[in-house]
Amino acid sequence: MKALICEQYSQPPVLTLNDVAPPEVAPGTIRIKVACAGVNFPDTLMVEGRYQVKPPLPFTPGSEAAGTIEGIGEGVTGFAIGDRVMAMEYHGALGELMVANAGNVVLLPGSMPFDVAAGFTTNYATSYHALKQRAELRPGQTVLVLGAGGGVGITAVELAKLMGARVIAAASTDEKLALCREYGADEVINYSEEDLREGIRRTTAGAGPDVVYDPVGGQYAEPAFRSIGWGGKYLVVGFAAGEIPRLPFNLPLIKGASIVGVICGIFRDKEPEAYQQNLQELLEFYVRGQLRPHISKRFTLERSADAIAWIAAGKAQGKIIVEVG
């Protein structure tokens, strides 16, 4: 089988498309013939050796895939050969075959195509976990989404609006903000052209947001936290800017605010029942037409290294998909 291989941790990463042996089906696992794979920002960190999970080298990157079941391990029930499924793992998706733990595999509703399914789990599951469990978002609250045009950002805009919030989208270009408007943003801030704190003051009448969703970090974290409303929750989702911010501890004190970590992969591992419930609710939203996954660019498996580079360069708007099968 063909698969993208990371042979050493480096920046830029060393990635090659190789012929490799198919992954073995161990007890409790499912082997999937991959039709499409999703590419996410954590994939770029993993191949550079900067992610909290470091697979032994060499390994195949890619955290989410959709396709058909080709093999079922001992002890697995509820699935059959040929079932259409999607899966989220830490790595292994950018190849013709992927093995996933059965608990991380979900049957697809009949109306969901493989390309949409391949980009569904990581971004939507992350944003829904962030807003539902970590922020405990209530209708009528105001949510500020930083990096709102990116993969997780656009899903946060869409889900926050669906959950009854007033949504402010902040991003670096007018093009990304136009997309956010299409997905429900009530107000927008172009922080390449407007001071972020001034933009937050303008769009919240000085009150500040109840929730800040931050997958960016870097230079925007402190001004966003300084602008948060009383008792607000600051969701730490990631550090796409490449810099982990350092906040003065007096800020949460004087704001009565909380800094709340969001990491969906560990949530999935620690609370599998809650994670599966979230996924089923998200799939119901999709089937009812309440979610519209946005795929902005597609790559072939032969160009999957370019897909990772595209994400690393900050060019993604919505989802990047690799068409494998």
C-alpha atoms as a PDB file:
ATOM      1  CA  MET A   1       0.000   0.000   0.000  1.00  0.00           C
ATOM      2  CA  LYS A   2       1.045   3.621  -0.492  1.00  0.00           C
ATOM      3  CA  ALA A   3       1.333   5.968   2.459  1.00  0.00           C
ATOM      4  CA  LEU A   4       2.895   9.292   3.349  1.00  0.00           C
ATOM      5  CA  ILE A   5       5.802   8.662   5.707  1.00  0.00           C
ATOM      6  CA  CYS A   6       7.474  10.994   8.188  1.00  0.00           C
ATOM      7  CA  GLU A   7      11.042   9.710   8.460  1.00  0.00           C
ATOM      8  CA  GLN A   8      12.409  12.282  10.915  1.00  0.00           C
ATOM      9  CA  TYR A   9      11.152  15.148  13.016  1.00  0.00           C
ATOM     10  CA  SER A  10      12.288  18.391  11.429  1.00  0.00           C
ATOM     11  CA  GLN A  11      11.152  21.826  10.310  1.00  0.00           C
ATOM     12  CA  PRO A  12      10.355  21.720   7.464  1.00  0.00           C
ATOM     13  CA  PRO A  13       9.408  18.039   7.863  1.00  0.00           C
ATOM     14  CA  VAL A  14      10.870  15.225   5.766  1.00  0.00           C
ATOM     15  CA  LEU A  15       7.840  13.541   4.159  1.00  0.00           C
ATOM     16  CA  THR A  16       7.849  10.970   1.344  1.00  0.00           C
ATOM     17  CA  LEU A  17       5.212   8.798  -0.343  1.00  0.00           C
ATOM     18  CA  ASN A  18       6.347   5.181   0.052  1.00  0.00           C
ATOM     19  CA  ASP A  19       5.170   1.636  -0.552  1.00  0.00           C
ATOM     20  CA  VAL A  20       4.763   0.057   2.889  1.00  0.00           C
ATOM     21  CA  ALA A  21       3.286  -3.084   4.407  1.00  0.00           C
ATOM     22  CA  PRO A  22      -0.416  -2.851   5.306  1.00  0.00           C
ATOM     23  CA  PRO A  23      -1.037  -2.180   9.020  1.00  0.00           C
ATOM     24  CA  GLU A  24      -2.031  -5.276  10.987  1.00  0.00           C
ATOM     25  CA  VAL A  25      -5.493  -5.689  12.473  1.00  0.00           C
ATOM     26  CA  ALA A  26      -4.958  -6.174  16.201  1.00  0.00           C
ATOM     27  CA  PRO A  27      -7.661  -7.140  18.730  1.00  0.00           C
ATOM     28  CA  GLY A  28     -10.004  -4.217  19.365  1.00  0.00           C
ATOM     29  CA  THR A  29      -9.131  -2.434  16.116  1.00  0.00           C
ATOM     30  CA  ILE A  30     -10.643  -1.868  12.682  1.00  0.00           C
ATOM     31  CA  ARG A  31      -8.788  -1.547   9.384  1.00  0.00           C
ATOM     32  CA  ILE A  32     -10.241   1.034   7.023  1.00  0.00           C
ATOM     33  CA  LYS A  33      -9.757   1.367   3.281  1.00  0.00           C
ATOM     34  CA  VAL A  34      -9.318   5.135   3.202  1.00  0.00           C
ATOM     35  CA  ALA A  35     -11.322   7.132   0.666  1.00  0.00           C
ATOM     36  CA  CYS A  36     -10.510  10.598   2.025  1.00  0.00           C
ATOM     37  CA  ALA A  37      -8.426  12.011   4.849  1.00  0.00           C
ATOM     38  CA  GLY A  38      -8.625  15.325   6.662  1.00  0.00           C
ATOM     39  CA  VAL A  39      -5.553  17.438   7.388  1.00  0.00           C
ATOM     40  CA  ASN A  40      -5.360  19.582  10.514  1.00  0.00           C
ATOM     41  CA  PHE A  41      -2.937  21.997  12.145  1.00  0.00           C
ATOM     42  CA  PRO A  42      -1.844  19.440  14.794  1.00  0.00           C
ATOM     43  CA  ASP A  43      -0.610  17.255  11.919  1.00  0.00           C
ATOM     44  CA  THR A  44       1.914  19.958  11.059  1.00  0.00           C
ATOM     45  CA  LEU A  45       3.139  20.069  14.649  1.00  0.00           C
ATOM     46  CA  MET A  46       3.393  16.289  14.876  1.00  0.00           C
ATOM     47  CA  VAL A  47       5.664  15.896  11.834  1.00  0.00           C
ATOM     48  CA  GLU A  48       7.873  18.680  13.212  1.00  0.00           C
ATOM     49  CA  GLY A  49       8.129  16.962  16.594  1.00  0.00           C
ATOM     50  CA  ARG A  50       6.360  19.842  18.358  1.00  0.00           C
ATOM     51  CA  TYR A  51       3.118  18.080  19.339  1.00  0.00           C
ATOM     52  CA  GLN A  52       2.467  16.510  22.752  1.00  0.00           C
ATOM     53  CA  VAL A  53       2.116  13.112  21.039  1.00  0.00           C
ATOM     54  CA  LYS A  54       5.303  11.875  19.327  1.00  0.00           C
ATOM     55  CA  PRO A  55       4.772   8.624  17.398  1.00  0.00           C
ATOM     56  CA  PRO A  56       7.839   6.400  16.942  1.00  0.00           C
ATOM     57  CA  LEU A  57       9.568   7.048  13.626  1.00  0.00           C
ATOM     58  CA  PRO A  58       8.821   6.375  10.843  1.00  0.00           C
ATOM     59  CA  PHE A  59       5.073   6.974  10.937  1.00  0.00           C
ATOM     60  CA  THR A  60       2.174   8.004   8.711  1.00  0.00           C
ATOM     61  CA  PRO A  61       0.650  11.391   9.646  1.00  0.00           C
ATOM     62  CA  GLY A  62      -3.022  12.313   9.391  1.00  0.00           C
ATOM     63  CA  SER A  63      -5.510  12.189  12.241  1.00  0.00           C
ATOM     64  CA  GLU A  64      -8.872  11.612  10.563  1.00  0.00           C
ATOM     65  CA  ALA A  65     -10.150   9.470   7.725  1.00  0.00           C
ATOM     66  CA  ALA A  66     -13.306   8.163   6.114  1.00  0.00           C
ATOM     67  CA  GLY A  67     -13.757   5.017   4.054  1.00  0.00           C
ATOM     68  CA  THR A  68     -14.986   1.442   4.224  1.00  0.00           C
ATOM     69  CA  ILE A  69     -14.133  -1.290   6.723  1.00  0.00           C
ATOM     70  CA  GLU A  70     -11.693  -3.821   5.292  1.00  0.00           C
ATOM     71  CA  GLY A  71     -10.767  -5.779   8.418  1.00  0.00           C
ATOM     72  CA  ILE A  72     -12.155  -6.268  11.928  1.00  0.00           C
ATOM     73  CA  GLY A  73     -10.085  -7.286  14.944  1.00  0.00           C
ATOM     74  CA  GLU A  74     -10.980  -9.813  17.591  1.00  0.00           C
ATOM     75  CA  GLY A  75     -13.488  -8.571  20.142  1.00  0.00           C
ATOM     76  CA  VAL A  76     -14.988  -5.835  17.964  1.00  0.00           C
ATOM     77  CA  THR A  77     -18.782  -5.803  17.659  1.00  0.00           C
ATOM     78  CA  GLY A  78     -21.292  -3.521  15.969  1.00  0.00           C
ATOM     79  CA  PHE A  79     -19.394  -3.278  12.669  1.00  0.00           C
ATOM     80  CA  ALA A  80     -19.269  -5.307   9.462  1.00  0.00           C
ATOM     81  CA  ILE A  81     -16.908  -5.547   6.480  1.00  0.00           C
ATOM     82  CA  GLY A  82     -17.903  -2.888   3.955  1.00  0.00           C
ATOM     83  CA  ASP A  83     -19.466  -0.491   6.469  1.00  0.00           C
ATOM     84  CA  ARG A  84     -18.953   3.208   5.675  1.00  0.00           C
ATOM     85  CA  VAL A  85     -17.169   4.822   8.605  1.00  0.00           C
ATOM     86  CA  MET A  86     -15.075   7.726   9.803  1.00  0.00           C
ATOM     87  CA  ALA A  87     -12.303   7.603  12.382  1.00  0.00           C
ATOM     88  CA  MET A  88     -10.133   9.969  14.419  1.00  0.00           C
ATOM     89  CA  GLU A  89      -6.704   8.839  15.634  1.00  0.00           C
ATOM     90  CA  TYR A  90      -3.471  10.687  16.362  1.00  0.00           C
ATOM     91  CA  HIS A  91      -1.868   9.510  13.101  1.00  0.00           C
ATOM     92  CA  GLY A  92      -2.136   6.981  10.252  1.00  0.00           C
ATOM     93  CA  ALA A  93      -4.801   8.515   7.981  1.00  0.00           C
ATOM     94  CA  LEU A  94      -2.633   9.594   5.011  1.00  0.00           C
ATOM     95  CA  GLY A  95      -2.337   6.146   3.514  1.00  0.00           C
ATOM     96  CA  GLU A  96      -4.448   3.719   1.538  1.00  0.00           C
ATOM     97  CA  LEU A  97      -5.204   1.706   4.693  1.00  0.00           C
ATOM     98  CA  MET A  98      -5.550   2.894   8.298  1.00  0.00           C
ATOM     99  CA  VAL A  99      -6.012   0.964  11.551  1.00  0.00           C
ATOM    100  CA  ALA A 100      -8.054   2.637  14.286  1.00  0.00           C
ATOM    101  CA  ASN A 101      -9.231   1.610  17.732  1.00  0.00           C
ATOM    102  CA  ALA A 102     -12.846   0.491  17.410  1.00  0.00           C
ATOM    103  CA  GLY A 103     -13.944   3.084  19.974  1.00  0.00           C
ATOM    104  CA  ASN A 104     -12.695   5.838  17.664  1.00  0.00           C
ATOM    105  CA  VAL A 105     -14.685   4.609  14.652  1.00  0.00           C
ATOM    106  CA  VAL A 106     -18.193   5.876  13.859  1.00  0.00           C
ATOM    107  CA  LEU A 107     -20.701   4.649  11.270  1.00  0.00           C
ATOM    108  CA  LEU A 108     -21.651   7.276   8.687  1.00  0.00           C
ATOM    109  CA  PRO A 109     -25.215   8.377   8.082  1.00  0.00           C
ATOM    110  CA  GLY A 110     -26.220   7.415   4.558  1.00  0.00           C
ATOM    111  CA  SER A 111     -26.334  11.023   3.355  1.00  0.00           C
ATOM    112  CA  MET A 112     -22.763  11.908   4.337  1.00  0.00           C
ATOM    113  CA  PRO A 113     -20.129  11.654   1.547  1.00  0.00           C
ATOM    114  CA  PHE A 114     -16.584  10.529   2.351  1.00  0.00           C
ATOM    115  CA  ASP A 115     -14.964  13.918   1.755  1.00  0.00           C
ATOM    116  CA  VAL A 116     -17.277  15.614   4.260  1.00  0.00           C
ATOM    117  CA  ALA A 117     -16.870  12.765   6.763  1.00  0.00           C
ATOM    118  CA  ALA A 118     -13.072  12.909   6.531  1.00  0.00           C
ATOM    119  CA  GLY A 119     -13.122  16.522   7.679  1.00  0.00           C
ATOM    120  CA  PHE A 120     -15.860  16.217  10.269  1.00  0.00           C
ATOM    121  CA  THR A 121     -14.479  14.642  13.409  1.00  0.00           C
ATOM    122  CA  THR A 122     -11.494  16.756  14.487  1.00  0.00           C
ATOM    123  CA  ASN A 123     -12.793  20.275  13.901  1.00  0.00           C
ATOM    124  CA  TYR A 124     -16.444  19.857  14.814  1.00  0.00           C
ATOM    125  CA  ALA A 125     -15.699  17.555  17.755  1.00  0.00           C
ATOM    126  CA  THR A 126     -13.114  20.012  19.098  1.00  0.00           C
ATOM    127  CA  SER A 127     -15.379  23.046  18.811  1.00  0.00           C
ATOM    128  CA  TYR A 128     -18.437  21.272  20.198  1.00  0.00           C
ATOM    129  CA  HIS A 129     -16.497  19.917  23.185  1.00  0.00           C
ATOM    130  CA  ALA A 130     -15.072  23.407  23.753  1.00  0.00           C
ATOM    131  CA  LEU A 131     -18.431  25.177  23.672  1.00  0.00           C
ATOM    132  CA  LYS A 132     -20.582  22.480  25.269  1.00  0.00           C
ATOM    133  CA  GLN A 133     -18.467  20.924  28.028  1.00  0.00           C
ATOM    134  CA  ARG A 134     -15.722  23.486  28.634  1.00  0.00           C
ATOM    135  CA  ALA A 135     -17.524  26.820  28.147  1.00  0.00           C
ATOM    136  CA  GLU A 136     -20.967  25.495  29.137  1.00  0.00           C
ATOM    137  CA  LEU A 137     -22.267  27.975  26.575  1.00  0.00           C
ATOM    138  CA  ARG A 138     -25.757  29.373  27.133  1.00  0.00           C
ATOM    139  CA  PRO A 139     -28.092  30.993  24.585  1.00  0.00           C
ATOM    140  CA  GLY A 140     -27.665  34.762  24.479  1.00  0.00           C
ATOM    141  CA  GLN A 141     -24.014  34.782  25.491  1.00  0.00           C
ATOM    142  CA  THR A 142     -21.389  36.442  23.303  1.00  0.00           C
ATOM    143  CA  VAL A 143     -18.570  34.340  21.841  1.00  0.00           C
ATOM    144  CA  LEU A 144     -15.417  35.805  20.299  1.00  0.00           C
ATOM    145  CA  VAL A 145     -13.677  33.381  17.907  1.00  0.00           C
ATOM    146  CA  LEU A 146     -10.040  34.114  17.057  1.00  0.00           C
ATOM    147  CA  GLY A 147      -8.620  32.591  13.868  1.00  0.00           C
ATOM    148  CA  ALA A 148     -12.229  32.323  12.805  1.00  0.00           C
ATOM    149  CA  GLY A 149     -11.565  31.515   9.145  1.00  0.00           C
ATOM    150  CA  GLY A 150      -9.446  28.431   9.838  1.00  0.00           C
ATOM    151  CA  GLY A 151     -10.479  24.808  10.207  1.00  0.00           C
ATOM    152  CA  VAL A 152     -11.597  24.798  13.843  1.00  0.00           C
ATOM    153  CA  GLY A 153     -12.447  28.502  13.834  1.00  0.00           C
ATOM    154  CA  ILE A 154     -15.185  28.283  11.223  1.00  0.00           C
ATOM    155  CA  THR A 155     -16.794  25.333  13.036  1.00  0.00           C
ATOM    156  CA  ALA A 156     -16.743  27.325  16.276  1.00  0.00           C
ATOM    157  CA  VAL A 157     -18.549  30.194  14.533  1.00  0.00           C
ATOM    158  CA  GLU A 158     -21.136  27.820  13.076  1.00  0.00           C
ATOM    159  CA  LEU A 159     -21.733  25.843  16.283  1.00  0.00           C
ATOM    160  CA  ALA A 160     -21.817  28.858  18.609  1.00  0.00           C
ATOM    161  CA  LYS A 161     -24.499  30.410  16.405  1.00  0.00           C
ATOM    162  CA  LEU A 162     -26.428  27.126  16.327  1.00  0.00           C
ATOM    163  CA  MET A 163     -26.273  27.016  20.141  1.00  0.00           C
ATOM    164  CA  GLY A 164     -27.885  30.461  20.380  1.00  0.00           C
ATOM    165  CA  ALA A 165     -24.869  32.681  20.964  1.00  0.00           C
ATOM    166  CA  ARG A 166     -24.034  36.082  19.520  1.00  0.00           C
ATOM    167  CA  VAL A 167     -20.841  35.453  17.540  1.00  0.00           C
ATOM    168  CA  ILE A 168     -17.930  37.801  16.832  1.00  0.00           C
ATOM    169  CA  ALA A 169     -15.439  36.443  14.292  1.00  0.00           C
ATOM    170  CA  ALA A 170     -11.862  37.737  14.287  1.00  0.00           C
ATOM    171  CA  ALA A 171      -9.454  36.830  11.485  1.00  0.00           C
ATOM    172  CA  SER A 172      -6.584  38.221   9.438  1.00  0.00           C
ATOM    173  CA  THR A 173      -8.256  38.867   6.061  1.00  0.00           C
ATOM    174  CA  ASP A 174     -11.546  40.200   4.729  1.00  0.00           C
ATOM    175  CA  GLU A 175     -11.879  37.029   2.635  1.00  0.00           C
ATOM    176  CA  LYS A 176     -11.859  34.843   5.753  1.00  0.00           C
ATOM    177  CA  LEU A 177     -14.306  37.169   7.499  1.00  0.00           C
ATOM    178  CA  ALA A 178     -16.691  37.042   4.545  1.00  0.00           C
ATOM    179  CA  LEU A 179     -16.756  33.267   4.970  1.00  0.00           C
ATOM    180  CA  CYS A 180     -17.474  33.728   8.681  1.00  0.00           C
ATOM    181  CA  ARG A 181     -20.449  35.946   7.808  1.00  0.00           C
ATOM    182  CA  GLU A 182     -21.790  33.115   5.636  1.00  0.00           C
ATOM    183  CA  TYR A 183     -21.514  30.769   8.628  1.00  0.00           C
ATOM    184  CA  GLY A 184     -23.408  32.993  11.042  1.00  0.00           C
ATOM    185  CA  ALA A 185     -21.014  35.592  12.476  1.00  0.00           C
ATOM    186  CA  ASP A 186     -22.930  38.623  13.756  1.00  0.00           C
ATOM    187  CA  GLU A 187     -19.868  40.911  13.882  1.00  0.00           C
ATOM    188  CA  VAL A 188     -16.348  40.679  12.462  1.00  0.00           C
ATOM    189  CA  ILE A 189     -12.907  42.061  13.346  1.00  0.00           C
ATOM    190  CA  ASN A 190      -9.998  42.137  10.899  1.00  0.00           C
ATOM    191  CA  TYR A 191      -7.099  42.186  13.340  1.00  0.00           C
ATOM    192  CA  SER A 192      -4.622  42.876  10.542  1.00  0.00           C
ATOM    193  CA  GLU A 193      -6.282  46.269  10.038  1.00  0.00           C
ATOM    194  CA  GLU A 194      -7.956  47.079  13.370  1.00  0.00           C
ATOM    195  CA  ASP A 195      -6.550  46.895  16.878  1.00  0.00           C
ATOM    196  CA  LEU A 196      -8.079  43.775  18.425  1.00  0.00           C
ATOM    197  CA  ARG A 197      -9.035  45.442  21.712  1.00  0.00           C
ATOM    198  CA  GLU A 198     -10.675  48.324  19.857  1.00  0.00           C
ATOM    199  CA  GLY A 199     -12.555  45.839  17.693  1.00  0.00           C
ATOM    200  CA  ILE A 200     -13.796  43.936  20.742  1.00  0.00           C
ATOM    201  CA  ARG A 201     -14.848  47.175  22.430  1.00  0.00           C
ATOM    202  CA  ARG A 202     -16.691  48.228  19.261  1.00  0.00           C
ATOM    203  CA  THR A 203     -18.535  44.933  18.800  1.00  0.00           C
ATOM    204  CA  THR A 204     -19.484  44.377  22.456  1.00  0.00           C
ATOM    205  CA  ALA A 205     -20.290  47.983  23.449  1.00  0.00           C
ATOM    206  CA  GLY A 206     -17.403  47.770  25.899  1.00  0.00           C
ATOM    207  CA  ALA A 207     -18.804  44.800  27.848  1.00  0.00           C
ATOM    208  CA  GLY A 208     -16.423  42.184  26.426  1.00  0.00           C
ATOM    209  CA  PRO A 209     -17.324  38.634  25.332  1.00  0.00           C
ATOM    210  CA  ASP A 210     -18.540  35.914  27.695  1.00  0.00           C
ATOM    211  CA  VAL A 211     -16.405  33.304  25.926  1.00  0.00           C
ATOM    212  CA  VAL A 212     -13.190  33.610  23.924  1.00  0.00           C
ATOM    213  CA  TYR A 213     -12.356  30.672  21.640  1.00  0.00           C
ATOM    214  CA  ASP A 214      -8.629  30.820  20.859  1.00  0.00           C
ATOM    215  CA  PRO A 215      -6.889  28.357  18.526  1.00  0.00           C
ATOM    216  CA  VAL A 216      -4.239  30.979  17.648  1.00  0.00           C
ATOM    217  CA  GLY A 217      -2.338  32.065  20.757  1.00  0.00           C
ATOM    218  CA  GLY A 218       0.628  34.346  20.110  1.00  0.00           C
ATOM    219  CA  GLN A 219       0.199  38.115  20.125  1.00  0.00           C
ATOM    220  CA  TYR A 220      -3.603  38.104  20.191  1.00  0.00           C
ATOM    221  CA  ALA A 221      -4.077  36.138  23.416  1.00  0.00           C
ATOM    222  CA  GLU A 222      -3.314  38.852  25.958  1.00  0.00           C
ATOM    223  CA  PRO A 223      -5.365  41.654  24.332  1.00  0.00           C
ATOM    224  CA  ALA A 224      -8.267  39.227  23.926  1.00  0.00           C
ATOM    225  CA  PHE A 225      -8.074  38.182  27.583  1.00  0.00           C
ATOM    226  CA  ARG A 226      -7.775  41.788  28.737  1.00  0.00           C
ATOM    227  CA  SER A 227     -11.057  42.438  26.871  1.00  0.00           C
ATOM    228  CA  ILE A 228     -13.026  39.471  28.248  1.00  0.00           C
ATOM    229  CA  GLY A 229     -16.217  40.170  30.154  1.00  0.00           C
ATOM    230  CA  TRP A 230     -16.660  39.659  33.897  1.00  0.00           C
ATOM    231  CA  GLY A 231     -16.720  35.945  34.766  1.00  0.00           C
ATOM    232  CA  GLY A 232     -15.775  35.021  31.205  1.00  0.00           C
ATOM    233  CA  LYS A 233     -14.181  31.802  30.007  1.00  0.00           C
ATOM    234  CA  TYR A 234     -11.075  31.831  27.838  1.00  0.00           C
ATOM    235  CA  LEU A 235     -10.842  28.595  25.819  1.00  0.00           C
ATOM    236  CA  VAL A 236      -7.251  27.587  25.029  1.00  0.00           C
ATOM    237  CA  VAL A 237      -7.649  25.476  21.886  1.00  0.00           C
ATOM    238  CA  GLY A 238      -4.212  25.724  20.245  1.00  0.00           C
ATOM    239  CA  PHE A 239      -1.283  27.844  19.169  1.00  0.00           C
ATOM    240  CA  ALA A 240      -1.481  28.249  15.402  1.00  0.00           C
ATOM    241  CA  ALA A 241       0.563  31.459  15.638  1.00  0.00           C
ATOM    242  CA  GLY A 242       3.494  29.329  16.782  1.00  0.00           C
ATOM    243  CA  GLU A 243       3.951  31.082  20.128  1.00  0.00           C
ATOM    244  CA  ILE A 244       2.557  29.970  23.491  1.00  0.00           C
ATOM    245  CA  PRO A 245       1.383  33.168  25.246  1.00  0.00           C
ATOM    246  CA  ARG A 246       2.286  34.088  28.822  1.00  0.00           C
ATOM    247  CA  LEU A 247      -0.515  35.861  30.664  1.00  0.00           C
ATOM    248  CA  PRO A 248      -0.074  37.866  33.884  1.00  0.00           C
ATOM    249  CA  PHE A 249      -1.962  36.019  36.646  1.00  0.00           C
ATOM    250  CA  ASN A 250      -3.587  39.226  37.866  1.00  0.00           C
ATOM    251  CA  LEU A 251      -5.773  39.287  34.733  1.00  0.00           C
ATOM    252  CA  PRO A 252      -8.016  36.326  35.624  1.00  0.00           C
ATOM    253  CA  LEU A 253      -8.121  37.694  39.184  1.00  0.00           C
ATOM    254  CA  ILE A 254      -9.486  41.133  38.306  1.00  0.00           C
ATOM    255  CA  LYS A 255     -11.814  39.741  35.608  1.00  0.00           C
ATOM    256  CA  GLY A 256     -13.144  36.888  37.719  1.00  0.00           C
ATOM    257  CA  ALA A 257     -12.398  34.898  34.555  1.00  0.00           C
ATOM    258  CA  SER A 258     -11.319  31.331  33.859  1.00  0.00           C
ATOM    259  CA  ILE A 259      -8.622  29.993  31.550  1.00  0.00           C
ATOM    260  CA  VAL A 260      -9.965  26.657  30.284  1.00  0.00           C
ATOM    261  CA  GLY A 261      -7.989  24.070  28.346  1.00  0.00           C
ATOM    262  CA  VAL A 262      -9.523  22.244  25.371  1.00  0.00           C
ATOM    263  CA  ILE A 263      -7.952  19.072  23.954  1.00  0.00           C
ATOM    264  CA  CYS A 264     -10.404  16.830  22.167  1.00  0.00           C
ATOM    265  CA  GLY A 265      -8.109  13.825  21.677  1.00  0.00           C
ATOM    266  CA  ILE A 266      -7.527  13.363  25.392  1.00  0.00           C
ATOM    267  CA  PHE A 267     -11.216  14.091  26.101  1.00  0.00           C
ATOM    268  CA  ARG A 268     -12.012  11.244  23.680  1.00  0.00           C
ATOM    269  CA  ASP A 269      -9.618   8.906  25.517  1.00  0.00           C
ATOM    270  CA  LYS A 270     -10.653   9.904  29.061  1.00  0.00           C
ATOM    271  CA  GLU A 271     -14.407  10.284  28.531  1.00  0.00           C
ATOM    272  CA  PRO A 272     -15.307   8.035  25.583  1.00  0.00           C
ATOM    273  CA  GLU A 273     -19.043   7.956  26.304  1.00  0.00           C
ATOM    274  CA  ALA A 274     -19.327  11.741  26.389  1.00  0.00           C
ATOM    275  CA  TYR A 275     -17.201  12.005  23.229  1.00  0.00           C
ATOM    276  CA  GLN A 276     -19.420   9.509  21.383  1.00  0.00           C
ATOM    277  CA  GLN A 277     -22.537  11.362  22.545  1.00  0.00           C
ATOM    278  CA  ASN A 278     -21.095  14.593  21.170  1.00  0.00           C
ATOM    279  CA  LEU A 279     -20.395  12.945  17.815  1.00  0.00           C
ATOM    280  CA  GLN A 280     -23.898  11.541  17.565  1.00  0.00           C
ATOM    281  CA  GLU A 281     -25.377  14.974  18.303  1.00  0.00           C
ATOM    282  CA  LEU A 282     -23.134  16.541  15.663  1.00  0.00           C
ATOM    283  CA  LEU A 283     -24.190  13.938  13.101  1.00  0.00           C
ATOM    284  CA  GLU A 284     -27.835  14.664  13.913  1.00  0.00           C
ATOM    285  CA  PHE A 285     -27.188  18.377  13.317  1.00  0.00           C
ATOM    286  CA  TYR A 286     -25.633  17.467   9.959  1.00  0.00           C
ATOM    287  CA  VAL A 287     -28.476  15.177   8.880  1.00  0.00           C
ATOM    288  CA  ARG A 288     -30.988  17.923   9.742  1.00  0.00           C
ATOM    289  CA  GLY A 289     -29.060  20.359   7.542  1.00  0.00           C
ATOM    290  CA  GLN A 290     -27.896  22.525  10.455  1.00  0.00           C
ATOM    291  CA  LEU A 291     -24.175  22.093   9.711  1.00  0.00           C
ATOM    292  CA  ARG A 292     -22.502  22.847   6.379  1.00  0.00           C
ATOM    293  CA  PRO A 293     -18.891  21.603   6.442  1.00  0.00           C
ATOM    294  CA  HIS A 294     -16.728  23.876   4.296  1.00  0.00           C
ATOM    295  CA  ILE A 295     -14.019  22.232   2.163  1.00  0.00           C
ATOM    296  CA  SER A 296     -11.746  24.886   0.713  1.00  0.00           C
ATOM    297  CA  LYS A 297      -9.035  22.808  -0.981  1.00  0.00           C
ATOM    298  CA  ARG A 298      -8.371  19.245  -2.079  1.00  0.00           C
ATOM    299  CA  PHE A 299      -5.139  17.335  -2.636  1.00  0.00           C
ATOM    300  CA  THR A 300      -4.334  13.864  -3.943  1.00  0.00           C
ATOM    301  CA  LEU A 301      -2.419  11.356  -1.817  1.00  0.00           C
ATOM    302  CA  GLU A 302       0.608  12.002  -4.048  1.00  0.00           C
ATOM    303  CA  ARG A 303       0.447  15.680  -2.970  1.00  0.00           C
ATOM    304  CA  SER A 304      -0.450  15.059   0.669  1.00  0.00           C
ATOM    305  CA  ALA A 305       2.842  16.571   1.852  1.00  0.00           C
ATOM    306  CA  ASP A 306       1.738  19.777   0.102  1.00  0.00           C
ATOM    307  CA  ALA A 307      -1.528  19.658   2.066  1.00  0.00           C
ATOM    308  CA  ILE A 308       0.401  19.688   5.335  1.00  0.00           C
ATOM    309  CA  ALA A 309       2.584  22.550   4.077  1.00  0.00           C
ATOM    310  CA  TRP A 310      -0.566  24.475   3.048  1.00  0.00           C
ATOM    311  CA  ILE A 311      -1.948  24.239   6.573  1.00  0.00           C
ATOM    312  CA  ALA A 312       1.418  25.134   8.131  1.00  0.00           C
ATOM    313  CA  ALA A 313       1.545  28.297   5.999  1.00  0.00           C
ATOM    314  CA  GLY A 314      -1.815  29.451   7.388  1.00  0.00           C
ATOM    315  CA  LYS A 315      -3.568  29.297   4.009  1.00  0.00           C
ATOM    316  CA  ALA A 316      -6.506  27.125   5.067  1.00  0.00           C
ATOM    317  CA  GLN A 317     -10.071  28.418   5.086  1.00  0.00           C
ATOM    318  CA  GLY A 318     -12.295  25.733   6.492  1.00  0.00           C
ATOM    319  CA  LYS A 319     -11.228  22.163   5.754  1.00  0.00           C
ATOM    320  CA  ILE A 320      -8.362  20.690   3.711  1.00  0.00           C
ATOM    321  CA  ILE A 321      -9.061  17.215   2.298  1.00  0.00           C
ATOM    322  CA  VAL A 322      -6.768  14.589   0.768  1.00  0.00           C
ATOM    323  CA  GLU A 323      -8.544  12.302  -1.700  1.00  0.00           C
ATOM    324  CA  VAL A 324      -6.938   8.888  -1.263  1.00  0.00           C
ATOM    325  CA  GLY A 325      -9.143   6.205  -2.784  1.00  0.00           C
END
